[in-house]
Amino acid sequence: MDALELEIKDLIVEALMLDDAPTGLEPDTDLFATLGLDSVDALELAMAVRRKYGIEFAADDDQNKAVFTSIRNLATFVRTHAQA
């Protein structure tokens, strides 16, 4: 994992109030399947990303599900959309 992916992994643990980083949570791990995320969790995570990186998500954007599927997808999205 690169630095941003590790940062996002920590953000996920903090935002979703997980006791500890789940073992085996790799960059391409399906977050919804592995962590059992639901739409409320995705919203919490989107709010955490907005606070940390200044990225706004539109509720009706079809790409949101793909963005939040894995740490790698979210890191890629942050890299291309974060405010300088």
PDB file of N, CA and C in Angstrom:
ATOM      1  N   MET A   1       0.847  -1.185   0.000  1.00  0.00           N
ATOM      2  CA  MET A   1       0.000   0.000   0.000  1.00  0.00           C
ATOM      3  C   MET A   1       0.883   1.236   0.000  1.00  0.00           C
ATOM      4  N   ASP A   2       0.468   2.232  -0.764  1.00  0.00           N
ATOM      5  CA  ASP A   2       1.224   3.479  -0.737  1.00  0.00           C
ATOM      6  C   ASP A   2       0.718   4.345   0.422  1.00  0.00           C
ATOM      7  N   ALA A   3       1.333   5.501   0.607  1.00  0.00           N
ATOM      8  CA  ALA A   3       1.029   6.361   1.752  1.00  0.00           C
ATOM      9  C   ALA A   3      -0.438   6.809   1.781  1.00  0.00           C
ATOM     10  N   LEU A   4      -0.975   7.196   0.631  1.00  0.00           N
ATOM     11  CA  LEU A   4      -2.365   7.652   0.598  1.00  0.00           C
ATOM     12  C   LEU A   4      -3.317   6.497   0.914  1.00  0.00           C
ATOM     13  N   GLU A   5      -3.041   5.320   0.398  1.00  0.00           N
ATOM     14  CA  GLU A   5      -3.889   4.162   0.695  1.00  0.00           C
ATOM     15  C   GLU A   5      -3.863   3.840   2.187  1.00  0.00           C
ATOM     16  N   LEU A   6      -2.700   3.929   2.821  1.00  0.00           N
ATOM     17  CA  LEU A   6      -2.613   3.712   4.268  1.00  0.00           C
ATOM     18  C   LEU A   6      -3.385   4.784   5.034  1.00  0.00           C
ATOM     19  N   GLU A   7      -3.291   6.021   4.562  1.00  0.00           N
ATOM     20  CA  GLU A   7      -4.020   7.122   5.186  1.00  0.00           C
ATOM     21  C   GLU A   7      -5.532   6.891   5.083  1.00  0.00           C
ATOM     22  N   ILE A   8      -5.975   6.438   3.929  1.00  0.00           N
ATOM     23  CA  ILE A   8      -7.402   6.177   3.723  1.00  0.00           C
ATOM     24  C   ILE A   8      -7.856   4.976   4.551  1.00  0.00           C
ATOM     25  N   LYS A   9      -7.019   3.968   4.668  1.00  0.00           N
ATOM     26  CA  LYS A   9      -7.350   2.827   5.524  1.00  0.00           C
ATOM     27  C   LYS A   9      -7.568   3.310   6.956  1.00  0.00           C
ATOM     28  N   ASP A  10      -6.681   4.169   7.464  1.00  0.00           N
ATOM     29  CA  ASP A  10      -6.841   4.728   8.807  1.00  0.00           C
ATOM     30  C   ASP A  10      -8.103   5.576   8.907  1.00  0.00           C
ATOM     31  N   LEU A  11      -8.406   6.330   7.855  1.00  0.00           N
ATOM     32  CA  LEU A  11      -9.617   7.154   7.834  1.00  0.00           C
ATOM     33  C   LEU A  11     -10.868   6.279   7.920  1.00  0.00           C
ATOM     34  N   ILE A  12     -10.865   5.158   7.224  1.00  0.00           N
ATOM     35  CA  ILE A  12     -11.996   4.226   7.260  1.00  0.00           C
ATOM     36  C   ILE A  12     -12.186   3.697   8.679  1.00  0.00           C
ATOM     37  N   VAL A  13     -11.098   3.281   9.303  1.00  0.00           N
ATOM     38  CA  VAL A  13     -11.161   2.748  10.671  1.00  0.00           C
ATOM     39  C   VAL A  13     -11.721   3.809  11.619  1.00  0.00           C
ATOM     40  N   GLU A  14     -11.238   5.045  11.486  1.00  0.00           N
ATOM     41  CA  GLU A  14     -11.691   6.130  12.354  1.00  0.00           C
ATOM     42  C   GLU A  14     -13.140   6.520  12.072  1.00  0.00           C
ATOM     43  N   ALA A  15     -13.471   6.742  10.799  1.00  0.00           N
ATOM     44  CA  ALA A  15     -14.806   7.220  10.433  1.00  0.00           C
ATOM     45  C   ALA A  15     -15.897   6.212  10.785  1.00  0.00           C
ATOM     46  N   LEU A  16     -15.576   4.931  10.644  1.00  0.00           N
ATOM     47  CA  LEU A  16     -16.579   3.895  10.911  1.00  0.00           C
ATOM     48  C   LEU A  16     -16.471   3.339  12.321  1.00  0.00           C
ATOM     49  N   MET A  17     -15.579   3.966  13.107  1.00  0.00           N
ATOM     50  CA  MET A  17     -15.382   3.591  14.507  1.00  0.00           C
ATOM     51  C   MET A  17     -15.120   2.094  14.676  1.00  0.00           C
ATOM     52  N   LEU A  18     -14.244   1.577  13.820  1.00  0.00           N
ATOM     53  CA  LEU A  18     -13.820   0.193  13.943  1.00  0.00           C
ATOM     54  C   LEU A  18     -12.783   0.129  15.057  1.00  0.00           C
ATOM     55  N   ASP A  19     -12.794  -0.915  15.833  1.00  0.00           N
ATOM     56  CA  ASP A  19     -11.873  -1.021  16.950  1.00  0.00           C
ATOM     57  C   ASP A  19     -10.418  -1.034  16.501  1.00  0.00           C
ATOM     58  N   ASP A  20     -10.165  -1.642  15.375  1.00  0.00           N
ATOM     59  CA  ASP A  20      -8.812  -1.740  14.854  1.00  0.00           C
ATOM     60  C   ASP A  20      -8.901  -1.991  13.359  1.00  0.00           C
ATOM     61  N   ALA A  21      -7.816  -1.745  12.674  1.00  0.00           N
ATOM     62  CA  ALA A  21      -7.790  -2.013  11.240  1.00  0.00           C
ATOM     63  C   ALA A  21      -7.993  -3.502  11.022  1.00  0.00           C
ATOM     64  N   PRO A  22      -8.995  -3.890  10.265  1.00  0.00           N
ATOM     65  CA  PRO A  22      -9.234  -5.315  10.033  1.00  0.00           C
ATOM     66  C   PRO A  22      -8.033  -5.977   9.364  1.00  0.00           C
ATOM     67  N   THR A  23      -7.710  -7.161   9.837  1.00  0.00           N
ATOM     68  CA  THR A  23      -6.611  -7.920   9.255  1.00  0.00           C
ATOM     69  C   THR A  23      -6.939  -8.254   7.810  1.00  0.00           C
ATOM     70  N   GLY A  24      -5.968  -8.139   6.951  1.00  0.00           N
ATOM     71  CA  GLY A  24      -6.161  -8.504   5.556  1.00  0.00           C
ATOM     72  C   GLY A  24      -6.861  -7.460   4.722  1.00  0.00           C
ATOM     73  N   LEU A  25      -7.026  -6.267   5.234  1.00  0.00           N
ATOM     74  CA  LEU A  25      -7.674  -5.213   4.458  1.00  0.00           C
ATOM     75  C   LEU A  25      -6.639  -4.632   3.496  1.00  0.00           C
ATOM     76  N   GLU A  26      -6.630  -5.161   2.297  1.00  0.00           N
ATOM     77  CA  GLU A  26      -5.671  -4.782   1.269  1.00  0.00           C
ATOM     78  C   GLU A  26      -6.284  -3.729   0.352  1.00  0.00           C
ATOM     79  N   PRO A  27      -5.469  -3.089  -0.492  1.00  0.00           N
ATOM     80  CA  PRO A  27      -5.976  -2.013  -1.345  1.00  0.00           C
ATOM     81  C   PRO A  27      -7.161  -2.395  -2.227  1.00  0.00           C
ATOM     82  N   ASP A  28      -7.225  -3.641  -2.679  1.00  0.00           N
ATOM     83  CA  ASP A  28      -8.301  -4.045  -3.577  1.00  0.00           C
ATOM     84  C   ASP A  28      -9.408  -4.845  -2.892  1.00  0.00           C
ATOM     85  N   THR A  29      -9.353  -4.962  -1.573  1.00  0.00           N
ATOM     86  CA  THR A  29     -10.385  -5.684  -0.843  1.00  0.00           C
ATOM     87  C   THR A  29     -11.722  -4.985  -1.015  1.00  0.00           C
ATOM     88  N   ASP A  30     -12.776  -5.746  -1.290  1.00  0.00           N
ATOM     89  CA  ASP A  30     -14.131  -5.187  -1.416  1.00  0.00           C
ATOM     90  C   ASP A  30     -14.606  -4.766  -0.029  1.00  0.00           C
ATOM     91  N   LEU A  31     -14.688  -3.459   0.205  1.00  0.00           N
ATOM     92  CA  LEU A  31     -15.049  -2.936   1.519  1.00  0.00           C
ATOM     93  C   LEU A  31     -16.472  -3.294   1.920  1.00  0.00           C
ATOM     94  N   PHE A  32     -17.383  -3.296   0.963  1.00  0.00           N
ATOM     95  CA  PHE A  32     -18.772  -3.606   1.290  1.00  0.00           C
ATOM     96  C   PHE A  32     -18.910  -5.048   1.740  1.00  0.00           C
ATOM     97  N   ALA A  33     -18.248  -5.959   1.047  1.00  0.00           N
ATOM     98  CA  ALA A  33     -18.336  -7.378   1.397  1.00  0.00           C
ATOM     99  C   ALA A  33     -17.537  -7.692   2.659  1.00  0.00           C
ATOM    100  N   THR A  34     -16.311  -7.198   2.748  1.00  0.00           N
ATOM    101  CA  THR A  34     -15.425  -7.537   3.857  1.00  0.00           C
ATOM    102  C   THR A  34     -15.850  -6.888   5.163  1.00  0.00           C
ATOM    103  N   LEU A  35     -16.189  -5.604   5.113  1.00  0.00           N
ATOM    104  CA  LEU A  35     -16.565  -4.881   6.329  1.00  0.00           C
ATOM    105  C   LEU A  35     -18.067  -4.850   6.559  1.00  0.00           C
ATOM    106  N   GLY A  36     -18.817  -5.319   5.581  1.00  0.00           N
ATOM    107  CA  GLY A  36     -20.269  -5.287   5.706  1.00  0.00           C
ATOM    108  C   GLY A  36     -20.819  -3.872   5.674  1.00  0.00           C
ATOM    109  N   LEU A  37     -20.209  -3.010   4.871  1.00  0.00           N
ATOM    110  CA  LEU A  37     -20.672  -1.624   4.787  1.00  0.00           C
ATOM    111  C   LEU A  37     -22.074  -1.551   4.208  1.00  0.00           C
ATOM    112  N   ASP A  38     -22.820  -0.571   4.674  1.00  0.00           N
ATOM    113  CA  ASP A  38     -24.130  -0.288   4.100  1.00  0.00           C
ATOM    114  C   ASP A  38     -24.148   1.173   3.671  1.00  0.00           C
ATOM    115  N   SER A  39     -25.292   1.652   3.231  1.00  0.00           N
ATOM    116  CA  SER A  39     -25.370   3.014   2.711  1.00  0.00           C
ATOM    117  C   SER A  39     -25.066   4.061   3.784  1.00  0.00           C
ATOM    118  N   VAL A  40     -25.421   3.799   5.024  1.00  0.00           N
ATOM    119  CA  VAL A  40     -25.127   4.738   6.110  1.00  0.00           C
ATOM    120  C   VAL A  40     -23.615   4.817   6.337  1.00  0.00           C
ATOM    121  N   ASP A  41     -22.947   3.667   6.304  1.00  0.00           N
ATOM    122  CA  ASP A  41     -21.488   3.654   6.445  1.00  0.00           C
ATOM    123  C   ASP A  41     -20.830   4.412   5.294  1.00  0.00           C
ATOM    124  N   ALA A  42     -21.321   4.208   4.092  1.00  0.00           N
ATOM    125  CA  ALA A  42     -20.770   4.907   2.932  1.00  0.00           C
ATOM    126  C   ALA A  42     -20.949   6.417   3.084  1.00  0.00           C
ATOM    127  N   LEU A  43     -22.079   6.839   3.618  1.00  0.00           N
ATOM    128  CA  LEU A  43     -22.314   8.262   3.859  1.00  0.00           C
ATOM    129  C   LEU A  43     -21.340   8.802   4.902  1.00  0.00           C
ATOM    130  N   GLU A  44     -21.132   8.069   5.982  1.00  0.00           N
ATOM    131  CA  GLU A  44     -20.167   8.475   7.014  1.00  0.00           C
ATOM    132  C   GLU A  44     -18.774   8.607   6.413  1.00  0.00           C
ATOM    133  N   LEU A  45     -18.410   7.655   5.592  1.00  0.00           N
ATOM    134  CA  LEU A  45     -17.097   7.677   4.966  1.00  0.00           C
ATOM    135  C   LEU A  45     -16.982   8.848   3.986  1.00  0.00           C
ATOM    136  N   ALA A  46     -18.027   9.109   3.234  1.00  0.00           N
ATOM    137  CA  ALA A  46     -18.027  10.250   2.305  1.00  0.00           C
ATOM    138  C   ALA A  46     -17.857  11.563   3.065  1.00  0.00           C
ATOM    139  N   MET A  47     -18.502  11.690   4.207  1.00  0.00           N
ATOM    140  CA  MET A  47     -18.369  12.904   5.020  1.00  0.00           C
ATOM    141  C   MET A  47     -16.948  13.041   5.559  1.00  0.00           C
ATOM    142  N   ALA A  48     -16.335  11.924   5.958  1.00  0.00           N
ATOM    143  CA  ALA A  48     -14.956  11.955   6.450  1.00  0.00           C
ATOM    144  C   ALA A  48     -13.995  12.361   5.328  1.00  0.00           C
ATOM    145  N   VAL A  49     -14.224  11.848   4.129  1.00  0.00           N
ATOM    146  CA  VAL A  49     -13.390  12.204   2.976  1.00  0.00           C
ATOM    147  C   VAL A  49     -13.566  13.689   2.662  1.00  0.00           C
ATOM    148  N   ARG A  50     -14.784  14.182   2.745  1.00  0.00           N
ATOM    149  CA  ARG A  50     -15.033  15.604   2.486  1.00  0.00           C
ATOM    150  C   ARG A  50     -14.280  16.478   3.492  1.00  0.00           C
ATOM    151  N   ARG A  51     -14.344  16.106   4.765  1.00  0.00           N
ATOM    152  CA  ARG A  51     -13.653  16.894   5.796  1.00  0.00           C
ATOM    153  C   ARG A  51     -12.129  16.879   5.595  1.00  0.00           C
ATOM    154  N   LYS A  52     -11.589  15.723   5.287  1.00  0.00           N
ATOM    155  CA  LYS A  52     -10.133  15.577   5.200  1.00  0.00           C
ATOM    156  C   LYS A  52      -9.563  16.102   3.880  1.00  0.00           C
ATOM    157  N   TYR A  53     -10.263  15.857   2.779  1.00  0.00           N
ATOM    158  CA  TYR A  53      -9.701  16.167   1.466  1.00  0.00           C
ATOM    159  C   TYR A  53     -10.458  17.245   0.692  1.00  0.00           C
ATOM    160  N   GLY A  54     -11.580  17.711   1.223  1.00  0.00           N
ATOM    161  CA  GLY A  54     -12.336  18.761   0.553  1.00  0.00           C
ATOM    162  C   GLY A  54     -13.089  18.308  -0.680  1.00  0.00           C
ATOM    163  N   ILE A  55     -13.409  17.024  -0.735  1.00  0.00           N
ATOM    164  CA  ILE A  55     -14.101  16.472  -1.898  1.00  0.00           C
ATOM    165  C   ILE A  55     -15.587  16.320  -1.594  1.00  0.00           C
ATOM    166  N   GLU A  56     -16.408  16.876  -2.455  1.00  0.00           N
ATOM    167  CA  GLU A  56     -17.864  16.747  -2.328  1.00  0.00           C
ATOM    168  C   GLU A  56     -18.348  15.595  -3.206  1.00  0.00           C
ATOM    169  N   PHE A  57     -19.284  14.834  -2.712  1.00  0.00           N
ATOM    170  CA  PHE A  57     -19.899  13.751  -3.470  1.00  0.00           C
ATOM    171  C   PHE A  57     -21.356  14.101  -3.723  1.00  0.00           C
ATOM    172  N   ALA A  58     -21.806  13.902  -4.943  1.00  0.00           N
ATOM    173  CA  ALA A  58     -23.216  14.095  -5.279  1.00  0.00           C
ATOM    174  C   ALA A  58     -23.953  12.795  -4.974  1.00  0.00           C
ATOM    175  N   ALA A  59     -25.063  12.890  -4.284  1.00  0.00           N
ATOM    176  CA  ALA A  59     -25.814  11.704  -3.875  1.00  0.00           C
ATOM    177  C   ALA A  59     -26.272  10.865  -5.062  1.00  0.00           C
ATOM    178  N   ASP A  60     -26.527  11.504  -6.172  1.00  0.00           N
ATOM    179  CA  ASP A  60     -27.059  10.786  -7.327  1.00  0.00           C
ATOM    180  C   ASP A  60     -25.987  10.385  -8.341  1.00  0.00           C
ATOM    181  N   ASP A  61     -24.717  10.479  -7.971  1.00  0.00           N
ATOM    182  CA  ASP A  61     -23.623  10.137  -8.890  1.00  0.00           C
ATOM    183  C   ASP A  61     -23.465   8.618  -8.956  1.00  0.00           C
ATOM    184  N   ASP A  62     -23.592   8.085 -10.152  1.00  0.00           N
ATOM    185  CA  ASP A  62     -23.510   6.639 -10.347  1.00  0.00           C
ATOM    186  C   ASP A  62     -22.134   6.063 -10.024  1.00  0.00           C
ATOM    187  N   GLN A  63     -21.095   6.875 -10.037  1.00  0.00           N
ATOM    188  CA  GLN A  63     -19.753   6.358  -9.777  1.00  0.00           C
ATOM    189  C   GLN A  63     -19.452   6.173  -8.286  1.00  0.00           C
ATOM    190  N   ASN A  64     -20.294   6.674  -7.398  1.00  0.00           N
ATOM    191  CA  ASN A  64     -20.021   6.592  -5.965  1.00  0.00           C
ATOM    192  C   ASN A  64     -19.800   5.158  -5.488  1.00  0.00           C
ATOM    193  N   LYS A  65     -20.637   4.241  -5.915  1.00  0.00           N
ATOM    194  CA  LYS A  65     -20.494   2.860  -5.454  1.00  0.00           C
ATOM    195  C   LYS A  65     -19.132   2.306  -5.844  1.00  0.00           C
ATOM    196  N   ALA A  66     -18.691   2.574  -7.058  1.00  0.00           N
ATOM    197  CA  ALA A  66     -17.384   2.089  -7.506  1.00  0.00           C
ATOM    198  C   ALA A  66     -16.250   2.760  -6.720  1.00  0.00           C
ATOM    199  N   VAL A  67     -16.390   4.046  -6.433  1.00  0.00           N
ATOM    200  CA  VAL A  67     -15.351   4.779  -5.695  1.00  0.00           C
ATOM    201  C   VAL A  67     -15.153   4.178  -4.313  1.00  0.00           C
ATOM    202  N   PHE A  68     -16.245   3.822  -3.648  1.00  0.00           N
ATOM    203  CA  PHE A  68     -16.163   3.328  -2.272  1.00  0.00           C
ATOM    204  C   PHE A  68     -16.023   1.808  -2.178  1.00  0.00           C
ATOM    205  N   THR A  69     -15.809   1.153  -3.296  1.00  0.00           N
ATOM    206  CA  THR A  69     -15.683  -0.301  -3.281  1.00  0.00           C
ATOM    207  C   THR A  69     -14.380  -0.761  -2.637  1.00  0.00           C
ATOM    208  N   SER A  70     -13.300  -0.016  -2.832  1.00  0.00           N
ATOM    209  CA  SER A  70     -12.011  -0.444  -2.277  1.00  0.00           C
ATOM    210  C   SER A  70     -11.169   0.761  -1.874  1.00  0.00           C
ATOM    211  N   ILE A  71     -10.166   0.495  -1.066  1.00  0.00           N
ATOM    212  CA  ILE A  71      -9.223   1.528  -0.667  1.00  0.00           C
ATOM    213  C   ILE A  71      -8.526   2.091  -1.900  1.00  0.00           C
ATOM    214  N   ARG A  72      -8.130   1.240  -2.814  1.00  0.00           N
ATOM    215  CA  ARG A  72      -7.419   1.690  -4.020  1.00  0.00           C
ATOM    216  C   ARG A  72      -8.309   2.612  -4.859  1.00  0.00           C
ATOM    217  N   ASN A  73      -9.574   2.242  -5.057  1.00  0.00           N
ATOM    218  CA  ASN A  73     -10.483   3.094  -5.842  1.00  0.00           C
ATOM    219  C   ASN A  73     -10.660   4.448  -5.174  1.00  0.00           C
ATOM    220  N   LEU A  74     -10.816   4.439  -3.862  1.00  0.00           N
ATOM    221  CA  LEU A  74     -11.004   5.696  -3.140  1.00  0.00           C
ATOM    222  C   LEU A  74      -9.734   6.548  -3.210  1.00  0.00           C
ATOM    223  N   ALA A  75      -8.570   5.932  -3.079  1.00  0.00           N
ATOM    224  CA  ALA A  75      -7.305   6.669  -3.181  1.00  0.00           C
ATOM    225  C   ALA A  75      -7.145   7.290  -4.577  1.00  0.00           C
ATOM    226  N   THR A  76      -7.480   6.538  -5.596  1.00  0.00           N
ATOM    227  CA  THR A  76      -7.399   7.053  -6.968  1.00  0.00           C
ATOM    228  C   THR A  76      -8.318   8.256  -7.134  1.00  0.00           C
ATOM    229  N   PHE A  77      -9.532   8.143  -6.611  1.00  0.00           N
ATOM    230  CA  PHE A  77     -10.491   9.248  -6.697  1.00  0.00           C
ATOM    231  C   PHE A  77      -9.968  10.482  -5.946  1.00  0.00           C
ATOM    232  N   VAL A  78      -9.432  10.274  -4.758  1.00  0.00           N
ATOM    233  CA  VAL A  78      -8.888  11.394  -3.966  1.00  0.00           C
ATOM    234  C   VAL A  78      -7.742  12.059  -4.720  1.00  0.00           C
ATOM    235  N   ARG A  79      -6.863  11.272  -5.283  1.00  0.00           N
ATOM    236  CA  ARG A  79      -5.725  11.834  -6.030  1.00  0.00           C
ATOM    237  C   ARG A  79      -6.193  12.749  -7.174  1.00  0.00           C
ATOM    238  N   THR A  80      -7.263  12.389  -7.823  1.00  0.00           N
ATOM    239  CA  THR A  80      -7.712  13.155  -8.990  1.00  0.00           C
ATOM    240  C   THR A  80      -8.680  14.295  -8.641  1.00  0.00           C
ATOM    241  N   HIS A  81      -9.255  14.273  -7.432  1.00  0.00           N
ATOM    242  CA  HIS A  81     -10.271  15.272  -7.094  1.00  0.00           C
ATOM    243  C   HIS A  81      -9.963  16.148  -5.879  1.00  0.00           C
ATOM    244  N   ALA A  82      -8.924  15.835  -5.135  1.00  0.00           N
ATOM    245  CA  ALA A  82      -8.628  16.600  -3.912  1.00  0.00           C
ATOM    246  C   ALA A  82      -8.268  18.032  -4.254  1.00  0.00           C
ATOM    247  N   GLN A  83      -8.710  18.931  -3.400  1.00  0.00           N
ATOM    248  CA  GLN A  83      -8.385  20.349  -3.571  1.00  0.00           C
ATOM    249  C   GLN A  83      -6.949  20.560  -3.149  1.00  0.00           C
ATOM    250  N   ALA A  84      -6.251  21.357  -3.898  1.00  0.00           N
ATOM    251  CA  ALA A  84      -4.837  21.624  -3.590  1.00  0.00           C
ATOM    252  C   ALA A  84      -4.697  22.492  -2.375  1.00  0.00           C
TER     253      ALA A  84
END
